[in-house]
Amino acid sequence: MSESSAPEREPSPPQPMPMPIGVRLWFIWAFLLLAGTGILLPRIIEFVDFSERAPFSLLGIFMMLELAALLFGITVAMQRKRIGHRFAIGIAILAAPMLAGLPPILLDFPPKAAAGWQALFVPVGLAISIVLVVALLRPRSRAYFSED
C-alpha cells in the first residue's frame, strides 16, 4: 500500500498540562483547611461570642463564609477555571488567621497560652501564605487555570 492511499489520521486532542507543584501544594492546604473546619464545626456551632440570646455569632458567620469560599474555590480549581486562580490566592492568604486565631478562641485557651500559640503560629501561617501565593503567581500555575 502506498502512503497516499493510507487513511489520514485525525489529530489527537492536546494533552492537558500536568498540575504544577504550586497548585498541588494549594490543594493540600485547601483540603487540610476543609478537614480542620469540619473537625472544629461542632465547636463553631456552639460558640457564642457576645450574647447567649443571639441566634448567630460573628465567628460562625466568618466560618460559614470561609467554608463557602473554600468549597467553591476547590470546585472551580478542579475545573481549571480562571476564577479558580483568584480563589486559590484568596484561600492561600487565610493561613495566618486560621492557624493563629481560631484554635485559641474555639478551644478556650487561657490568655497566656493563647498569646504563646499566636506567637508561634502567626509566623507559620505567614510563611505558608507567602509560599502558596508565590507558587500560585508563577507562570506555570497561572497557565494551569486556562478554562473560561
C-alpha atoms as a PDB file:
ATOM      1  CA  MET A   1       0.000   0.000   0.000  1.00  0.00           C
ATOM      2  CA  SER A   2       1.280   3.379  -0.868  1.00  0.00           C
ATOM      3  CA  GLU A   3       1.331   6.211   1.632  1.00  0.00           C
ATOM      4  CA  SER A   4      -1.072   8.273  -0.454  1.00  0.00           C
ATOM      5  CA  SER A   5      -3.818   5.654  -0.137  1.00  0.00           C
ATOM      6  CA  ALA A   6      -3.459   5.300   3.652  1.00  0.00           C
ATOM      7  CA  PRO A   7      -6.323   6.875   5.586  1.00  0.00           C
ATOM      8  CA  GLU A   8      -5.498  10.164   7.220  1.00  0.00           C
ATOM      9  CA  ARG A   9      -5.344  10.087  10.987  1.00  0.00           C
ATOM     10  CA  GLU A  10      -7.216  12.666  12.918  1.00  0.00           C
ATOM     11  CA  PRO A  11      -5.020  14.735  15.147  1.00  0.00           C
ATOM     12  CA  SER A  12      -5.211  13.702  18.768  1.00  0.00           C
ATOM     13  CA  PRO A  13      -6.544  16.274  21.207  1.00  0.00           C
ATOM     14  CA  PRO A  14      -3.859  18.165  23.106  1.00  0.00           C
ATOM     15  CA  GLN A  15      -2.834  16.573  26.370  1.00  0.00           C
ATOM     16  CA  PRO A  16      -3.794  18.584  29.447  1.00  0.00           C
ATOM     17  CA  MET A  17      -0.981  20.355  31.219  1.00  0.00           C
ATOM     18  CA  PRO A  18       0.260  18.455  34.293  1.00  0.00           C
ATOM     19  CA  MET A  19      -0.581  20.066  37.613  1.00  0.00           C
ATOM     20  CA  PRO A  20       2.216  22.415  38.761  1.00  0.00           C
ATOM     21  CA  ILE A  21       3.695  21.924  42.231  1.00  0.00           C
ATOM     22  CA  GLY A  22       2.256  25.251  43.433  1.00  0.00           C
ATOM     23  CA  VAL A  23      -1.264  24.118  42.578  1.00  0.00           C
ATOM     24  CA  ARG A  24      -0.643  20.745  44.240  1.00  0.00           C
ATOM     25  CA  LEU A  25       0.540  22.482  47.412  1.00  0.00           C
ATOM     26  CA  TRP A  26      -2.530  24.702  47.329  1.00  0.00           C
ATOM     27  CA  PHE A  27      -4.862  21.702  47.005  1.00  0.00           C
ATOM     28  CA  ILE A  28      -3.142  20.087  50.005  1.00  0.00           C
ATOM     29  CA  TRP A  29      -3.617  23.297  52.009  1.00  0.00           C
ATOM     30  CA  ALA A  30      -7.245  23.673  50.899  1.00  0.00           C
ATOM     31  CA  PHE A  31      -8.164  20.110  51.866  1.00  0.00           C
ATOM     32  CA  LEU A  32      -6.353  20.455  55.218  1.00  0.00           C
ATOM     33  CA  LEU A  33      -8.304  23.654  55.838  1.00  0.00           C
ATOM     34  CA  LEU A  34     -11.524  21.887  54.885  1.00  0.00           C
ATOM     35  CA  ALA A  35     -10.739  18.993  57.246  1.00  0.00           C
ATOM     36  CA  GLY A  36      -9.862  21.368  60.090  1.00  0.00           C
ATOM     37  CA  THR A  37     -13.081  23.287  59.574  1.00  0.00           C
ATOM     38  CA  GLY A  38     -15.045  20.041  59.626  1.00  0.00           C
ATOM     39  CA  ILE A  39     -13.353  18.885  62.825  1.00  0.00           C
ATOM     40  CA  LEU A  40     -13.958  22.239  64.549  1.00  0.00           C
ATOM     41  CA  LEU A  41     -17.513  22.654  63.235  1.00  0.00           C
ATOM     42  CA  PRO A  42     -19.243  21.415  66.412  1.00  0.00           C
ATOM     43  CA  ARG A  43     -17.250  23.953  68.473  1.00  0.00           C
ATOM     44  CA  ILE A  44     -18.035  26.687  65.962  1.00  0.00           C
ATOM     45  CA  ILE A  45     -21.742  25.915  66.151  1.00  0.00           C
ATOM     46  CA  GLU A  46     -21.839  26.004  69.953  1.00  0.00           C
ATOM     47  CA  PHE A  47     -19.591  29.070  70.205  1.00  0.00           C
ATOM     48  CA  VAL A  48     -21.376  32.191  71.428  1.00  0.00           C
ATOM     49  CA  ASP A  49     -19.284  35.332  71.271  1.00  0.00           C
ATOM     50  CA  PHE A  50     -21.416  38.164  72.623  1.00  0.00           C
ATOM     51  CA  SER A  51     -24.829  37.068  73.830  1.00  0.00           C
ATOM     52  CA  GLU A  52     -26.427  33.757  74.626  1.00  0.00           C
ATOM     53  CA  ARG A  53     -29.732  35.073  73.282  1.00  0.00           C
ATOM     54  CA  ALA A  54     -28.332  35.958  69.842  1.00  0.00           C
ATOM     55  CA  PRO A  55     -29.260  33.474  67.096  1.00  0.00           C
ATOM     56  CA  PHE A  56     -25.811  33.796  65.496  1.00  0.00           C
ATOM     57  CA  SER A  57     -22.186  34.503  66.301  1.00  0.00           C
ATOM     58  CA  LEU A  58     -19.734  36.598  64.338  1.00  0.00           C
ATOM     59  CA  LEU A  59     -17.276  33.712  64.324  1.00  0.00           C
ATOM     60  CA  GLY A  60     -19.981  31.423  62.929  1.00  0.00           C
ATOM     61  CA  ILE A  61     -20.724  33.874  60.133  1.00  0.00           C
ATOM     62  CA  PHE A  62     -16.999  34.165  59.317  1.00  0.00           C
ATOM     63  CA  MET A  63     -16.563  30.391  59.303  1.00  0.00           C
ATOM     64  CA  MET A  64     -19.591  29.804  57.074  1.00  0.00           C
ATOM     65  CA  LEU A  65     -18.277  32.402  54.615  1.00  0.00           C
ATOM     66  CA  GLU A  66     -14.853  30.741  54.738  1.00  0.00           C
ATOM     67  CA  LEU A  67     -16.410  27.317  54.196  1.00  0.00           C
ATOM     68  CA  ALA A  68     -18.492  28.519  51.232  1.00  0.00           C
ATOM     69  CA  ALA A  69     -15.481  30.223  49.623  1.00  0.00           C
ATOM     70  CA  LEU A  70     -13.339  27.143  50.239  1.00  0.00           C
ATOM     71  CA  LEU A  71     -15.822  24.724  48.679  1.00  0.00           C
ATOM     72  CA  PHE A  72     -16.457  26.975  45.683  1.00  0.00           C
ATOM     73  CA  GLY A  73     -12.713  27.616  45.281  1.00  0.00           C
ATOM     74  CA  ILE A  74     -11.859  23.912  45.308  1.00  0.00           C
ATOM     75  CA  THR A  75     -14.637  23.212  42.809  1.00  0.00           C
ATOM     76  CA  VAL A  76     -13.566  25.844  40.279  1.00  0.00           C
ATOM     77  CA  ALA A  77      -9.873  24.991  40.769  1.00  0.00           C
ATOM     78  CA  MET A  78     -10.592  21.338  39.948  1.00  0.00           C
ATOM     79  CA  GLN A  79     -12.308  22.510  36.784  1.00  0.00           C
ATOM     80  CA  ARG A  80      -9.235  24.663  35.982  1.00  0.00           C
ATOM     81  CA  LYS A  81     -11.397  27.788  35.630  1.00  0.00           C
ATOM     82  CA  ARG A  82      -9.622  31.133  35.522  1.00  0.00           C
ATOM     83  CA  ILE A  83     -11.528  32.369  38.540  1.00  0.00           C
ATOM     84  CA  GLY A  84     -10.142  29.380  40.432  1.00  0.00           C
ATOM     85  CA  HIS A  85      -6.745  31.064  40.382  1.00  0.00           C
ATOM     86  CA  ARG A  86      -8.137  34.116  42.184  1.00  0.00           C
ATOM     87  CA  PHE A  87      -9.953  31.957  44.720  1.00  0.00           C
ATOM     88  CA  ALA A  88      -6.760  29.945  45.271  1.00  0.00           C
ATOM     89  CA  ILE A  89      -4.797  33.096  46.078  1.00  0.00           C
ATOM     90  CA  GLY A  90      -7.548  34.318  48.405  1.00  0.00           C
ATOM     91  CA  ILE A  91      -7.693  30.996  50.237  1.00  0.00           C
ATOM     92  CA  ALA A  92      -3.889  30.891  50.486  1.00  0.00           C
ATOM     93  CA  ILE A  93      -3.993  34.179  52.385  1.00  0.00           C
ATOM     94  CA  LEU A  94      -6.247  32.604  55.061  1.00  0.00           C
ATOM     95  CA  ALA A  95      -3.352  30.653  56.595  1.00  0.00           C
ATOM     96  CA  ALA A  96      -2.325  33.148  59.278  1.00  0.00           C
ATOM     97  CA  PRO A  97      -5.770  33.994  60.666  1.00  0.00           C
ATOM     98  CA  MET A  98      -6.923  30.374  60.564  1.00  0.00           C
ATOM     99  CA  LEU A  99      -3.843  28.907  62.259  1.00  0.00           C
ATOM    100  CA  ALA A 100      -3.233  31.687  64.774  1.00  0.00           C
ATOM    101  CA  GLY A 101      -6.709  32.935  65.595  1.00  0.00           C
ATOM    102  CA  LEU A 102      -9.204  30.101  65.596  1.00  0.00           C
ATOM    103  CA  PRO A 103      -7.775  27.413  67.905  1.00  0.00           C
ATOM    104  CA  PRO A 104      -7.292  29.750  70.902  1.00  0.00           C
ATOM    105  CA  ILE A 105     -10.838  31.090  70.532  1.00  0.00           C
ATOM    106  CA  LEU A 106     -12.583  27.784  69.914  1.00  0.00           C
ATOM    107  CA  LEU A 107     -10.636  25.723  72.434  1.00  0.00           C
ATOM    108  CA  ASP A 108     -10.833  28.317  75.240  1.00  0.00           C
ATOM    109  CA  PHE A 109      -7.105  28.780  75.729  1.00  0.00           C
ATOM    110  CA  PRO A 110      -6.080  30.794  78.794  1.00  0.00           C
ATOM    111  CA  PRO A 111      -4.701  34.247  77.837  1.00  0.00           C
ATOM    112  CA  LYS A 112      -1.025  33.286  78.226  1.00  0.00           C
ATOM    113  CA  ALA A 113      -1.468  30.091  76.228  1.00  0.00           C
ATOM    114  CA  ALA A 114      -3.336  31.995  73.514  1.00  0.00           C
ATOM    115  CA  ALA A 115      -0.521  34.551  73.293  1.00  0.00           C
ATOM    116  CA  GLY A 116       2.053  31.765  73.031  1.00  0.00           C
ATOM    117  CA  TRP A 117       0.019  29.955  70.389  1.00  0.00           C
ATOM    118  CA  GLN A 118      -0.309  33.128  68.331  1.00  0.00           C
ATOM    119  CA  ALA A 119       3.389  33.964  68.700  1.00  0.00           C
ATOM    120  CA  LEU A 120       4.189  30.535  67.302  1.00  0.00           C
ATOM    121  CA  PHE A 121       1.573  30.240  64.568  1.00  0.00           C
ATOM    122  CA  VAL A 122       1.403  33.759  63.134  1.00  0.00           C
ATOM    123  CA  PRO A 123       4.884  33.301  61.560  1.00  0.00           C
ATOM    124  CA  VAL A 124       3.983  29.761  60.444  1.00  0.00           C
ATOM    125  CA  GLY A 125       0.752  30.998  58.860  1.00  0.00           C
ATOM    126  CA  LEU A 126       2.539  33.890  57.171  1.00  0.00           C
ATOM    127  CA  ALA A 127       5.186  31.514  55.812  1.00  0.00           C
ATOM    128  CA  ILE A 128       2.521  29.166  54.438  1.00  0.00           C
ATOM    129  CA  SER A 129       0.673  32.094  52.859  1.00  0.00           C
ATOM    130  CA  ILE A 130       3.819  33.533  51.276  1.00  0.00           C
ATOM    131  CA  VAL A 131       4.939  30.176  49.863  1.00  0.00           C
ATOM    132  CA  LEU A 132       1.490  29.420  48.430  1.00  0.00           C
ATOM    133  CA  VAL A 133       0.924  32.876  46.935  1.00  0.00           C
ATOM    134  CA  VAL A 134       4.389  32.969  45.339  1.00  0.00           C
ATOM    135  CA  ALA A 135       3.887  29.443  43.966  1.00  0.00           C
ATOM    136  CA  LEU A 136       0.452  30.354  42.596  1.00  0.00           C
ATOM    137  CA  LEU A 137       1.735  33.510  40.911  1.00  0.00           C
ATOM    138  CA  ARG A 138       4.314  31.611  38.851  1.00  0.00           C
ATOM    139  CA  PRO A 139       3.556  31.457  35.118  1.00  0.00           C
ATOM    140  CA  ARG A 140       3.015  27.662  35.063  1.00  0.00           C
ATOM    141  CA  SER A 141       0.482  27.888  37.882  1.00  0.00           C
ATOM    142  CA  ARG A 142      -1.353  30.738  36.175  1.00  0.00           C
ATOM    143  CA  ALA A 143      -1.382  28.843  32.875  1.00  0.00           C
ATOM    144  CA  TYR A 144      -2.872  25.803  34.620  1.00  0.00           C
ATOM    145  CA  PHE A 145      -6.117  27.724  35.172  1.00  0.00           C
ATOM    146  CA  SER A 146      -6.919  28.007  31.473  1.00  0.00           C
ATOM    147  CA  GLU A 147     -10.642  27.288  31.175  1.00  0.00           C
ATOM    148  CA  ASP A 148     -13.148  30.100  30.710  1.00  0.00           C
END
